[in-house]
Amino acid sequence: QVQLVESGGGLVQAGGSLRLSCAASGRTFSMTAMGWFRQAPGKEREFVAAITWSAGNTNHADSVKGRFTISRDNAKKTVYLQMNSLKPEDTAVYYCKIGGYWGQGTQVTVSS
């Protein structure tokens, strides 16, 4: 079992910033990468960004490139998503994922 706890969501004006955190615990010894996904109302869940634990290689969706940055702290088993220049269309519930495990989600709301 792996437990994922997200934090850092909230309400922000367009152009603002937020940083999301996702802390992993439990049987994490086999994890190789962690990702962030988001789901807006009435839409399917979509990929946002991912990072490998060992090398720190990253991948970001085109819609967030240049604005969002994923990073990790191996010692804390925590992954972060720094979100800058937020837009109303970034409004969604953000989830972290490792293997078949999902966090509970954290709401991000961007007002225009």
PDB file of N, CA and C in Angstrom:
ATOM      1  N   GLN A   1       0.836  -1.203   0.000  1.00  0.00           N
ATOM      2  CA  GLN A   1       0.000   0.000   0.000  1.00  0.00           C
ATOM      3  C   GLN A   1       0.867   1.247   0.000  1.00  0.00           C
ATOM      4  N   VAL A   2       0.420   2.227  -0.759  1.00  0.00           N
ATOM      5  CA  VAL A   2       1.071   3.532  -0.808  1.00  0.00           C
ATOM      6  C   VAL A   2       0.017   4.580  -0.479  1.00  0.00           C
ATOM      7  N   GLN A   3       0.381   5.486   0.399  1.00  0.00           N
ATOM      8  CA  GLN A   3      -0.515   6.596   0.731  1.00  0.00           C
ATOM      9  C   GLN A   3       0.056   7.894   0.165  1.00  0.00           C
ATOM     10  N   LEU A   4      -0.816   8.682  -0.423  1.00  0.00           N
ATOM     11  CA  LEU A   4      -0.425   9.964  -1.015  1.00  0.00           C
ATOM     12  C   LEU A   4      -1.305  11.053  -0.410  1.00  0.00           C
ATOM     13  N   VAL A   5      -0.664  12.081   0.098  1.00  0.00           N
ATOM     14  CA  VAL A   5      -1.404  13.183   0.710  1.00  0.00           C
ATOM     15  C   VAL A   5      -1.014  14.478   0.006  1.00  0.00           C
ATOM     16  N   GLU A   6      -1.988  15.108  -0.618  1.00  0.00           N
ATOM     17  CA  GLU A   6      -1.749  16.352  -1.346  1.00  0.00           C
ATOM     18  C   GLU A   6      -2.134  17.548  -0.476  1.00  0.00           C
ATOM     19  N   SER A   7      -1.495  18.668  -0.753  1.00  0.00           N
ATOM     20  CA  SER A   7      -1.830  19.911  -0.079  1.00  0.00           C
ATOM     21  C   SER A   7      -1.414  21.079  -0.969  1.00  0.00           C
ATOM     22  N   GLY A   8      -1.893  22.268  -0.617  1.00  0.00           N
ATOM     23  CA  GLY A   8      -1.449  23.470  -1.308  1.00  0.00           C
ATOM     24  C   GLY A   8      -2.449  24.094  -2.249  1.00  0.00           C
ATOM     25  N   GLY A   9      -3.585  23.448  -2.454  1.00  0.00           N
ATOM     26  CA  GLY A   9      -4.584  24.036  -3.339  1.00  0.00           C
ATOM     27  C   GLY A   9      -5.234  25.256  -2.704  1.00  0.00           C
ATOM     28  N   GLY A  10      -6.058  25.939  -3.493  1.00  0.00           N
ATOM     29  CA  GLY A  10      -6.758  27.103  -2.975  1.00  0.00           C
ATOM     30  C   GLY A  10      -7.329  27.956  -4.073  1.00  0.00           C
ATOM     31  N   LEU A  11      -7.723  29.162  -3.688  1.00  0.00           N
ATOM     32  CA  LEU A  11      -8.288  30.135  -4.616  1.00  0.00           C
ATOM     33  C   LEU A  11      -7.251  31.213  -4.888  1.00  0.00           C
ATOM     34  N   VAL A  12      -7.038  31.515  -6.159  1.00  0.00           N
ATOM     35  CA  VAL A  12      -6.050  32.520  -6.529  1.00  0.00           C
ATOM     36  C   VAL A  12      -6.557  33.280  -7.746  1.00  0.00           C
ATOM     37  N   GLN A  13      -6.126  34.522  -7.875  1.00  0.00           N
ATOM     38  CA  GLN A  13      -6.507  35.302  -9.048  1.00  0.00           C
ATOM     39  C   GLN A  13      -5.651  34.924 -10.246  1.00  0.00           C
ATOM     40  N   ALA A  14      -6.172  35.158 -11.413  1.00  0.00           N
ATOM     41  CA  ALA A  14      -5.424  34.901 -12.630  1.00  0.00           C
ATOM     42  C   ALA A  14      -4.092  35.648 -12.586  1.00  0.00           C
ATOM     43  N   GLY A  15      -3.047  34.950 -13.001  1.00  0.00           N
ATOM     44  CA  GLY A  15      -1.709  35.504 -12.945  1.00  0.00           C
ATOM     45  C   GLY A  15      -0.962  35.170 -11.677  1.00  0.00           C
ATOM     46  N   GLY A  16      -1.661  34.626 -10.708  1.00  0.00           N
ATOM     47  CA  GLY A  16      -1.053  34.277  -9.434  1.00  0.00           C
ATOM     48  C   GLY A  16      -0.346  32.934  -9.464  1.00  0.00           C
ATOM     49  N   SER A  17       0.131  32.520  -8.288  1.00  0.00           N
ATOM     50  CA  SER A  17       0.911  31.288  -8.161  1.00  0.00           C
ATOM     51  C   SER A  17       0.416  30.451  -6.990  1.00  0.00           C
ATOM     52  N   LEU A  18       0.621  29.159  -7.112  1.00  0.00           N
ATOM     53  CA  LEU A  18       0.378  28.209  -6.026  1.00  0.00           C
ATOM     54  C   LEU A  18       1.435  27.120  -6.121  1.00  0.00           C
ATOM     55  N   ARG A  19       1.713  26.495  -5.001  1.00  0.00           N
ATOM     56  CA  ARG A  19       2.591  25.328  -5.013  1.00  0.00           C
ATOM     57  C   ARG A  19       1.872  24.172  -4.345  1.00  0.00           C
ATOM     58  N   LEU A  20       1.722  23.106  -5.093  1.00  0.00           N
ATOM     59  CA  LEU A  20       1.120  21.893  -4.572  1.00  0.00           C
ATOM     60  C   LEU A  20       2.202  20.941  -4.075  1.00  0.00           C
ATOM     61  N   SER A  21       1.868  20.182  -3.036  1.00  0.00           N
ATOM     62  CA  SER A  21       2.773  19.174  -2.498  1.00  0.00           C
ATOM     63  C   SER A  21       2.056  17.834  -2.451  1.00  0.00           C
ATOM     64  N   CYS A  22       2.817  16.771  -2.619  1.00  0.00           N
ATOM     65  CA  CYS A  22       2.277  15.418  -2.515  1.00  0.00           C
ATOM     66  C   CYS A  22       3.295  14.574  -1.775  1.00  0.00           C
ATOM     67  N   ALA A  23       2.938  14.150  -0.566  1.00  0.00           N
ATOM     68  CA  ALA A  23       3.828  13.351   0.261  1.00  0.00           C
ATOM     69  C   ALA A  23       3.432  11.882   0.172  1.00  0.00           C
ATOM     70  N   ALA A  24       4.409  11.034  -0.097  1.00  0.00           N
ATOM     71  CA  ALA A  24       4.166   9.603  -0.221  1.00  0.00           C
ATOM     72  C   ALA A  24       4.653   8.872   1.020  1.00  0.00           C
ATOM     73  N   SER A  25       3.919   7.832   1.396  1.00  0.00           N
ATOM     74  CA  SER A  25       4.327   6.976   2.513  1.00  0.00           C
ATOM     75  C   SER A  25       3.858   5.559   2.227  1.00  0.00           C
ATOM     76  N   GLY A  26       4.342   4.632   3.045  1.00  0.00           N
ATOM     77  CA  GLY A  26       3.988   3.237   2.847  1.00  0.00           C
ATOM     78  C   GLY A  26       5.025   2.516   2.014  1.00  0.00           C
ATOM     79  N   ARG A  27       4.602   1.606   1.184  1.00  0.00           N
ATOM     80  CA  ARG A  27       5.496   0.763   0.384  1.00  0.00           C
ATOM     81  C   ARG A  27       5.959   1.517  -0.860  1.00  0.00           C
ATOM     82  N   THR A  28       6.811   2.489  -0.619  1.00  0.00           N
ATOM     83  CA  THR A  28       7.268   3.356  -1.705  1.00  0.00           C
ATOM     84  C   THR A  28       8.593   2.929  -2.299  1.00  0.00           C
ATOM     85  N   PHE A  29       9.176   1.823  -1.828  1.00  0.00           N
ATOM     86  CA  PHE A  29      10.534   1.463  -2.235  1.00  0.00           C
ATOM     87  C   PHE A  29      10.643   1.159  -3.712  1.00  0.00           C
ATOM     88  N   SER A  30       9.541   0.775  -4.335  1.00  0.00           N
ATOM     89  CA  SER A  30       9.607   0.392  -5.752  1.00  0.00           C
ATOM     90  C   SER A  30       9.201   1.516  -6.702  1.00  0.00           C
ATOM     91  N   MET A  31       8.870   2.676  -6.166  1.00  0.00           N
ATOM     92  CA  MET A  31       8.373   3.713  -7.062  1.00  0.00           C
ATOM     93  C   MET A  31       9.498   4.311  -7.869  1.00  0.00           C
ATOM     94  N   THR A  32       9.231   4.554  -9.128  1.00  0.00           N
ATOM     95  CA  THR A  32      10.234   5.107 -10.022  1.00  0.00           C
ATOM     96  C   THR A  32       9.879   6.494 -10.507  1.00  0.00           C
ATOM     97  N   ALA A  33       8.605   6.832 -10.480  1.00  0.00           N
ATOM     98  CA  ALA A  33       8.180   8.138 -10.969  1.00  0.00           C
ATOM     99  C   ALA A  33       6.865   8.509 -10.304  1.00  0.00           C
ATOM    100  N   MET A  34       6.596   9.803 -10.299  1.00  0.00           N
ATOM    101  CA  MET A  34       5.324  10.298  -9.767  1.00  0.00           C
ATOM    102  C   MET A  34       4.806  11.368 -10.714  1.00  0.00           C
ATOM    103  N   GLY A  35       3.499  11.448 -10.807  1.00  0.00           N
ATOM    104  CA  GLY A  35       2.915  12.412 -11.724  1.00  0.00           C
ATOM    105  C   GLY A  35       1.791  13.218 -11.108  1.00  0.00           C
ATOM    106  N   TRP A  36       1.504  14.332 -11.738  1.00  0.00           N
ATOM    107  CA  TRP A  36       0.349  15.161 -11.396  1.00  0.00           C
ATOM    108  C   TRP A  36      -0.655  15.106 -12.543  1.00  0.00           C
ATOM    109  N   PHE A  37      -1.908  15.003 -12.186  1.00  0.00           N
ATOM    110  CA  PHE A  37      -3.010  15.027 -13.140  1.00  0.00           C
ATOM    111  C   PHE A  37      -4.046  16.024 -12.635  1.00  0.00           C
ATOM    112  N   ARG A  38      -4.955  16.400 -13.497  1.00  0.00           N
ATOM    113  CA  ARG A  38      -6.023  17.303 -13.058  1.00  0.00           C
ATOM    114  C   ARG A  38      -7.319  16.952 -13.766  1.00  0.00           C
ATOM    115  N   GLN A  39      -8.415  17.304 -13.121  1.00  0.00           N
ATOM    116  CA  GLN A  39      -9.723  17.056 -13.694  1.00  0.00           C
ATOM    117  C   GLN A  39     -10.620  18.260 -13.436  1.00  0.00           C
ATOM    118  N   ALA A  40     -11.030  18.896 -14.518  1.00  0.00           N
ATOM    119  CA  ALA A  40     -11.947  20.020 -14.439  1.00  0.00           C
ATOM    120  C   ALA A  40     -13.378  19.501 -14.507  1.00  0.00           C
ATOM    121  N   PRO A  41     -14.347  20.264 -14.023  1.00  0.00           N
ATOM    122  CA  PRO A  41     -15.747  19.831 -14.050  1.00  0.00           C
ATOM    123  C   PRO A  41     -16.197  19.494 -15.466  1.00  0.00           C
ATOM    124  N   GLY A  42     -16.777  18.316 -15.613  1.00  0.00           N
ATOM    125  CA  GLY A  42     -17.295  17.901 -16.906  1.00  0.00           C
ATOM    126  C   GLY A  42     -16.258  17.434 -17.895  1.00  0.00           C
ATOM    127  N   LYS A  43     -15.000  17.358 -17.458  1.00  0.00           N
ATOM    128  CA  LYS A  43     -13.925  16.939 -18.357  1.00  0.00           C
ATOM    129  C   LYS A  43     -13.235  15.700 -17.829  1.00  0.00           C
ATOM    130  N   GLU A  44     -12.496  15.037 -18.715  1.00  0.00           N
ATOM    131  CA  GLU A  44     -11.743  13.858 -18.304  1.00  0.00           C
ATOM    132  C   GLU A  44     -10.468  14.286 -17.569  1.00  0.00           C
ATOM    133  N   ARG A  45      -9.972  13.379 -16.753  1.00  0.00           N
ATOM    134  CA  ARG A  45      -8.720  13.638 -16.058  1.00  0.00           C
ATOM    135  C   ARG A  45      -7.589  13.687 -17.089  1.00  0.00           C
ATOM    136  N   GLU A  46      -6.700  14.652 -16.932  1.00  0.00           N
ATOM    137  CA  GLU A  46      -5.619  14.815 -17.891  1.00  0.00           C
ATOM    138  C   GLU A  46      -4.261  14.917 -17.200  1.00  0.00           C
ATOM    139  N   PHE A  47      -3.243  14.513 -17.955  1.00  0.00           N
ATOM    140  CA  PHE A  47      -1.867  14.573 -17.475  1.00  0.00           C
ATOM    141  C   PHE A  47      -1.389  16.015 -17.387  1.00  0.00           C
ATOM    142  N   VAL A  48      -0.646  16.310 -16.313  1.00  0.00           N
ATOM    143  CA  VAL A  48      -0.057  17.640 -16.150  1.00  0.00           C
ATOM    144  C   VAL A  48       1.458  17.574 -16.202  1.00  0.00           C
ATOM    145  N   ALA A  49       2.057  16.726 -15.365  1.00  0.00           N
ATOM    146  CA  ALA A  49       3.511  16.657 -15.315  1.00  0.00           C
ATOM    147  C   ALA A  49       3.926  15.380 -14.609  1.00  0.00           C
ATOM    148  N   ALA A  50       5.178  14.953 -14.852  1.00  0.00           N
ATOM    149  CA  ALA A  50       5.719  13.769 -14.195  1.00  0.00           C
ATOM    150  C   ALA A  50       7.208  13.951 -13.979  1.00  0.00           C
ATOM    151  N   ILE A  51       7.743  13.201 -13.003  1.00  0.00           N
ATOM    152  CA  ILE A  51       9.164  13.282 -12.691  1.00  0.00           C
ATOM    153  C   ILE A  51       9.640  11.916 -12.234  1.00  0.00           C
ATOM    154  N   THR A  52      10.864  11.547 -12.628  1.00  0.00           N
ATOM    155  CA  THR A  52      11.447  10.300 -12.149  1.00  0.00           C
ATOM    156  C   THR A  52      12.187  10.555 -10.846  1.00  0.00           C
ATOM    157  N   TRP A  53      12.153   9.558  -9.963  1.00  0.00           N
ATOM    158  CA  TRP A  53      12.758   9.759  -8.647  1.00  0.00           C
ATOM    159  C   TRP A  53      14.280   9.792  -8.707  1.00  0.00           C
ATOM    160  N   SER A  54      14.869   8.950  -9.500  1.00  0.00           N
ATOM    161  CA  SER A  54      16.328   8.833  -9.442  1.00  0.00           C
ATOM    162  C   SER A  54      17.018   9.976 -10.179  1.00  0.00           C
ATOM    163  N   ALA A  55      16.701  10.150 -11.443  1.00  0.00           N
ATOM    164  CA  ALA A  55      17.397  11.149 -12.250  1.00  0.00           C
ATOM    165  C   ALA A  55      16.724  12.513 -12.218  1.00  0.00           C
ATOM    166  N   GLY A  56      15.476  12.560 -11.800  1.00  0.00           N
ATOM    167  CA  GLY A  56      14.763  13.825 -11.806  1.00  0.00           C
ATOM    168  C   GLY A  56      14.353  14.284 -13.188  1.00  0.00           C
ATOM    169  N   ASN A  57      14.245  13.349 -14.123  1.00  0.00           N
ATOM    170  CA  ASN A  57      13.789  13.718 -15.464  1.00  0.00           C
ATOM    171  C   ASN A  57      12.324  14.122 -15.407  1.00  0.00           C
ATOM    172  N   THR A  58      11.982  15.178 -16.127  1.00  0.00           N
ATOM    173  CA  THR A  58      10.631  15.711 -16.061  1.00  0.00           C
ATOM    174  C   THR A  58       9.957  15.738 -17.420  1.00  0.00           C
ATOM    175  N   ASN A  59       8.645  15.786 -17.371  1.00  0.00           N
ATOM    176  CA  ASN A  59       7.825  15.904 -18.564  1.00  0.00           C
ATOM    177  C   ASN A  59       6.602  16.737 -18.180  1.00  0.00           C
ATOM    178  N   HIS A  60       6.315  17.747 -18.991  1.00  0.00           N
ATOM    179  CA  HIS A  60       5.179  18.610 -18.720  1.00  0.00           C
ATOM    180  C   HIS A  60       4.236  18.642 -19.919  1.00  0.00           C
ATOM    181  N   ALA A  61       2.953  18.705 -19.660  1.00  0.00           N
ATOM    182  CA  ALA A  61       1.981  18.848 -20.743  1.00  0.00           C
ATOM    183  C   ALA A  61       2.204  20.180 -21.452  1.00  0.00           C
ATOM    184  N   ASP A  62       1.904  20.214 -22.732  1.00  0.00           N
ATOM    185  CA  ASP A  62       2.096  21.437 -23.500  1.00  0.00           C
ATOM    186  C   ASP A  62       1.315  22.606 -22.908  1.00  0.00           C
ATOM    187  N   SER A  63       0.158  22.322 -22.345  1.00  0.00           N
ATOM    188  CA  SER A  63      -0.703  23.382 -21.823  1.00  0.00           C
ATOM    189  C   SER A  63      -0.116  24.092 -20.608  1.00  0.00           C
ATOM    190  N   VAL A  64       0.875  23.473 -19.965  1.00  0.00           N
ATOM    191  CA  VAL A  64       1.451  24.083 -18.761  1.00  0.00           C
ATOM    192  C   VAL A  64       2.933  24.382 -18.894  1.00  0.00           C
ATOM    193  N   LYS A  65       3.544  24.013 -20.001  1.00  0.00           N
ATOM    194  CA  LYS A  65       4.974  24.257 -20.188  1.00  0.00           C
ATOM    195  C   LYS A  65       5.287  25.740 -20.076  1.00  0.00           C
ATOM    196  N   GLY A  66       6.361  26.026 -19.338  1.00  0.00           N
ATOM    197  CA  GLY A  66       6.749  27.414 -19.135  1.00  0.00           C
ATOM    198  C   GLY A  66       6.045  28.081 -17.979  1.00  0.00           C
ATOM    199  N   ARG A  67       5.001  27.453 -17.452  1.00  0.00           N
ATOM    200  CA  ARG A  67       4.266  28.026 -16.317  1.00  0.00           C
ATOM    201  C   ARG A  67       4.338  27.140 -15.077  1.00  0.00           C
ATOM    202  N   PHE A  68       4.273  25.827 -15.265  1.00  0.00           N
ATOM    203  CA  PHE A  68       4.304  24.878 -14.162  1.00  0.00           C
ATOM    204  C   PHE A  68       5.654  24.168 -14.139  1.00  0.00           C
ATOM    205  N   THR A  69       6.113  23.831 -12.942  1.00  0.00           N
ATOM    206  CA  THR A  69       7.358  23.083 -12.797  1.00  0.00           C
ATOM    207  C   THR A  69       7.194  22.014 -11.734  1.00  0.00           C
ATOM    208  N   ILE A  70       7.484  20.772 -12.115  1.00  0.00           N
ATOM    209  CA  ILE A  70       7.438  19.675 -11.162  1.00  0.00           C
ATOM    210  C   ILE A  70       8.836  19.454 -10.597  1.00  0.00           C
ATOM    211  N   SER A  71       8.897  19.125  -9.306  1.00  0.00           N
ATOM    212  CA  SER A  71      10.173  18.839  -8.662  1.00  0.00           C
ATOM    213  C   SER A  71       9.929  17.836  -7.549  1.00  0.00           C
ATOM    214  N   ARG A  72      11.041  17.324  -6.975  1.00  0.00           N
ATOM    215  CA  ARG A  72      10.861  16.349  -5.908  1.00  0.00           C
ATOM    216  C   ARG A  72      11.939  16.499  -4.861  1.00  0.00           C
ATOM    217  N   ASP A  73      11.616  16.005  -3.662  1.00  0.00           N
ATOM    218  CA  ASP A  73      12.569  15.919  -2.560  1.00  0.00           C
ATOM    219  C   ASP A  73      12.607  14.448  -2.162  1.00  0.00           C
ATOM    220  N   ASN A  74      13.657  13.771  -2.579  1.00  0.00           N
ATOM    221  CA  ASN A  74      13.721  12.327  -2.345  1.00  0.00           C
ATOM    222  C   ASN A  74      13.699  11.985  -0.868  1.00  0.00           C
ATOM    223  N   ALA A  75      14.396  12.749  -0.071  1.00  0.00           N
ATOM    224  CA  ALA A  75      14.475  12.450   1.360  1.00  0.00           C
ATOM    225  C   ALA A  75      13.107  12.538   2.019  1.00  0.00           C
ATOM    226  N   LYS A  76      12.287  13.456   1.556  1.00  0.00           N
ATOM    227  CA  LYS A  76      10.952  13.633   2.125  1.00  0.00           C
ATOM    228  C   LYS A  76       9.901  12.828   1.367  1.00  0.00           C
ATOM    229  N   LYS A  77      10.317  12.172   0.283  1.00  0.00           N
ATOM    230  CA  LYS A  77       9.359  11.433  -0.560  1.00  0.00           C
ATOM    231  C   LYS A  77       8.185  12.333  -0.926  1.00  0.00           C
ATOM    232  N   THR A  78       8.533  13.517  -1.345  1.00  0.00           N
ATOM    233  CA  THR A  78       7.518  14.519  -1.655  1.00  0.00           C
ATOM    234  C   THR A  78       7.765  15.086  -3.042  1.00  0.00           C
ATOM    235  N   VAL A  79       6.697  15.253  -3.775  1.00  0.00           N
ATOM    236  CA  VAL A  79       6.748  15.874  -5.094  1.00  0.00           C
ATOM    237  C   VAL A  79       5.975  17.186  -5.045  1.00  0.00           C
ATOM    238  N   TYR A  80       6.485  18.170  -5.750  1.00  0.00           N
ATOM    239  CA  TYR A  80       5.881  19.490  -5.759  1.00  0.00           C
ATOM    240  C   TYR A  80       5.450  19.866  -7.180  1.00  0.00           C
ATOM    241  N   LEU A  81       4.478  20.731  -7.249  1.00  0.00           N
ATOM    242  CA  LEU A  81       4.088  21.318  -8.530  1.00  0.00           C
ATOM    243  C   LEU A  81       3.974  22.821  -8.318  1.00  0.00           C
ATOM    244  N   GLN A  82       4.971  23.548  -8.802  1.00  0.00           N
ATOM    245  CA  GLN A  82       4.955  25.000  -8.732  1.00  0.00           C
ATOM    246  C   GLN A  82       4.159  25.510  -9.926  1.00  0.00           C
ATOM    247  N   MET A  83       3.108  26.246  -9.646  1.00  0.00           N
ATOM    248  CA  MET A  83       2.227  26.743 -10.707  1.00  0.00           C
ATOM    249  C   MET A  83       2.267  28.266 -10.721  1.00  0.00           C
ATOM    250  N   ASN A  84       2.768  28.812 -11.793  1.00  0.00           N
ATOM    251  CA  ASN A  84       2.855  30.259 -11.961  1.00  0.00           C
ATOM    252  C   ASN A  84       1.971  30.700 -13.126  1.00  0.00           C
ATOM    253  N   SER A  85       1.711  31.989 -13.189  1.00  0.00           N
ATOM    254  CA  SER A  85       0.904  32.562 -14.275  1.00  0.00           C
ATOM    255  C   SER A  85      -0.386  31.780 -14.471  1.00  0.00           C
ATOM    256  N   LEU A  86      -1.061  31.512 -13.389  1.00  0.00           N
ATOM    257  CA  LEU A  86      -2.263  30.687 -13.450  1.00  0.00           C
ATOM    258  C   LEU A  86      -3.364  31.364 -14.255  1.00  0.00           C
ATOM    259  N   LYS A  87      -4.127  30.518 -14.941  1.00  0.00           N
ATOM    260  CA  LYS A  87      -5.228  30.963 -15.784  1.00  0.00           C
ATOM    261  C   LYS A  87      -6.528  30.343 -15.288  1.00  0.00           C
ATOM    262  N   PRO A  88      -7.663  30.969 -15.584  1.00  0.00           N
ATOM    263  CA  PRO A  88      -8.939  30.363 -15.168  1.00  0.00           C
ATOM    264  C   PRO A  88      -9.106  28.927 -15.675  1.00  0.00           C
ATOM    265  N   GLU A  89      -8.558  28.626 -16.842  1.00  0.00           N
ATOM    266  CA  GLU A  89      -8.689  27.272 -17.381  1.00  0.00           C
ATOM    267  C   GLU A  89      -7.835  26.253 -16.636  1.00  0.00           C
ATOM    268  N   ASP A  90      -7.006  26.704 -15.705  1.00  0.00           N
ATOM    269  CA  ASP A  90      -6.269  25.777 -14.847  1.00  0.00           C
ATOM    270  C   ASP A  90      -7.118  25.295 -13.673  1.00  0.00           C
ATOM    271  N   THR A  91      -8.287  25.855 -13.505  1.00  0.00           N
ATOM    272  CA  THR A  91      -9.173  25.444 -12.424  1.00  0.00           C
ATOM    273  C   THR A  91      -9.529  23.975 -12.559  1.00  0.00           C
ATOM    274  N   ALA A  92      -9.271  23.216 -11.508  1.00  0.00           N
ATOM    275  CA  ALA A  92      -9.499  21.772 -11.532  1.00  0.00           C
ATOM    276  C   ALA A  92      -9.152  21.196 -10.167  1.00  0.00           C
ATOM    277  N   VAL A  93      -9.489  19.926  -9.993  1.00  0.00           N
ATOM    278  CA  VAL A  93      -8.960  19.170  -8.867  1.00  0.00           C
ATOM    279  C   VAL A  93      -7.670  18.519  -9.346  1.00  0.00           C
ATOM    280  N   TYR A  94      -6.607  18.728  -8.588  1.00  0.00           N
ATOM    281  CA  TYR A  94      -5.295  18.211  -8.956  1.00  0.00           C
ATOM    282  C   TYR A  94      -4.994  16.972  -8.112  1.00  0.00           C
ATOM    283  N   TYR A  95      -4.538  15.920  -8.801  1.00  0.00           N
ATOM    284  CA  TYR A  95      -4.249  14.646  -8.160  1.00  0.00           C
ATOM    285  C   TYR A  95      -2.793  14.258  -8.412  1.00  0.00           C
ATOM    286  N   CYS A  96      -2.149  13.680  -7.413  1.00  0.00           N
ATOM    287  CA  CYS A  96      -0.862  13.055  -7.668  1.00  0.00           C
ATOM    288  C   CYS A  96      -1.073  11.545  -7.789  1.00  0.00           C
ATOM    289  N   LYS A  97      -0.155  10.931  -8.486  1.00  0.00           N
ATOM    290  CA  LYS A  97      -0.293   9.504  -8.804  1.00  0.00           C
ATOM    291  C   LYS A  97       1.070   8.840  -8.806  1.00  0.00           C
ATOM    292  N   ILE A  98       1.111   7.614  -8.237  1.00  0.00           N
ATOM    293  CA  ILE A  98       2.291   6.773  -8.335  1.00  0.00           C
ATOM    294  C   ILE A  98       1.811   5.350  -8.524  1.00  0.00           C
ATOM    295  N   GLY A  99       2.284   4.736  -9.578  1.00  0.00           N
ATOM    296  CA  GLY A  99       1.809   3.391  -9.888  1.00  0.00           C
ATOM    297  C   GLY A  99       0.299   3.420 -10.038  1.00  0.00           C
ATOM    298  N   GLY A 100      -0.378   2.537  -9.307  1.00  0.00           N
ATOM    299  CA  GLY A 100      -1.833   2.489  -9.360  1.00  0.00           C
ATOM    300  C   GLY A 100      -2.511   3.275  -8.258  1.00  0.00           C
ATOM    301  N   TYR A 101      -1.752   4.089  -7.555  1.00  0.00           N
ATOM    302  CA  TYR A 101      -2.285   4.818  -6.411  1.00  0.00           C
ATOM    303  C   TYR A 101      -2.489   6.289  -6.738  1.00  0.00           C
ATOM    304  N   TRP A 102      -3.629   6.821  -6.251  1.00  0.00           N
ATOM    305  CA  TRP A 102      -3.979   8.214  -6.431  1.00  0.00           C
ATOM    306  C   TRP A 102      -4.129   8.893  -5.079  1.00  0.00           C
ATOM    307  N   GLY A 103      -3.772  10.177  -5.044  1.00  0.00           N
ATOM    308  CA  GLY A 103      -4.063  10.963  -3.870  1.00  0.00           C
ATOM    309  C   GLY A 103      -5.544  11.341  -3.849  1.00  0.00           C
ATOM    310  N   GLN A 104      -5.935  12.049  -2.801  1.00  0.00           N
ATOM    311  CA  GLN A 104      -7.341  12.407  -2.628  1.00  0.00           C
ATOM    312  C   GLN A 104      -7.739  13.622  -3.462  1.00  0.00           C
ATOM    313  N   GLY A 105      -6.766  14.332  -3.968  1.00  0.00           N
ATOM    314  CA  GLY A 105      -7.037  15.505  -4.784  1.00  0.00           C
ATOM    315  C   GLY A 105      -7.068  16.784  -3.971  1.00  0.00           C
ATOM    316  N   THR A 106      -6.666  17.875  -4.611  1.00  0.00           N
ATOM    317  CA  THR A 106      -6.714  19.185  -3.983  1.00  0.00           C
ATOM    318  C   THR A 106      -7.279  20.174  -5.012  1.00  0.00           C
ATOM    319  N   GLN A 107      -8.208  20.995  -4.573  1.00  0.00           N
ATOM    320  CA  GLN A 107      -8.895  21.911  -5.477  1.00  0.00           C
ATOM    321  C   GLN A 107      -8.057  23.151  -5.735  1.00  0.00           C
ATOM    322  N   VAL A 108      -7.935  23.491  -7.000  1.00  0.00           N
ATOM    323  CA  VAL A 108      -7.308  24.741  -7.418  1.00  0.00           C
ATOM    324  C   VAL A 108      -8.349  25.533  -8.199  1.00  0.00           C
ATOM    325  N   THR A 109      -8.615  26.742  -7.745  1.00  0.00           N
ATOM    326  CA  THR A 109      -9.586  27.608  -8.411  1.00  0.00           C
ATOM    327  C   THR A 109      -8.909  28.924  -8.768  1.00  0.00           C
ATOM    328  N   VAL A 110      -8.966  29.271 -10.044  1.00  0.00           N
ATOM    329  CA  VAL A 110      -8.343  30.501 -10.531  1.00  0.00           C
ATOM    330  C   VAL A 110      -9.452  31.426 -11.008  1.00  0.00           C
ATOM    331  N   SER A 111      -9.553  32.572 -10.367  1.00  0.00           N
ATOM    332  CA  SER A 111     -10.603  33.532 -10.733  1.00  0.00           C
ATOM    333  C   SER A 111     -10.074  34.516 -11.762  1.00  0.00           C
ATOM    334  N   SER A 112     -10.966  34.961 -12.615  1.00  0.00           N
ATOM    335  CA  SER A 112     -10.570  35.898 -13.675  1.00  0.00           C
ATOM    336  C   SER A 112     -10.685  37.341 -13.226  1.00  0.00           C
TER     337      SER A 112
END
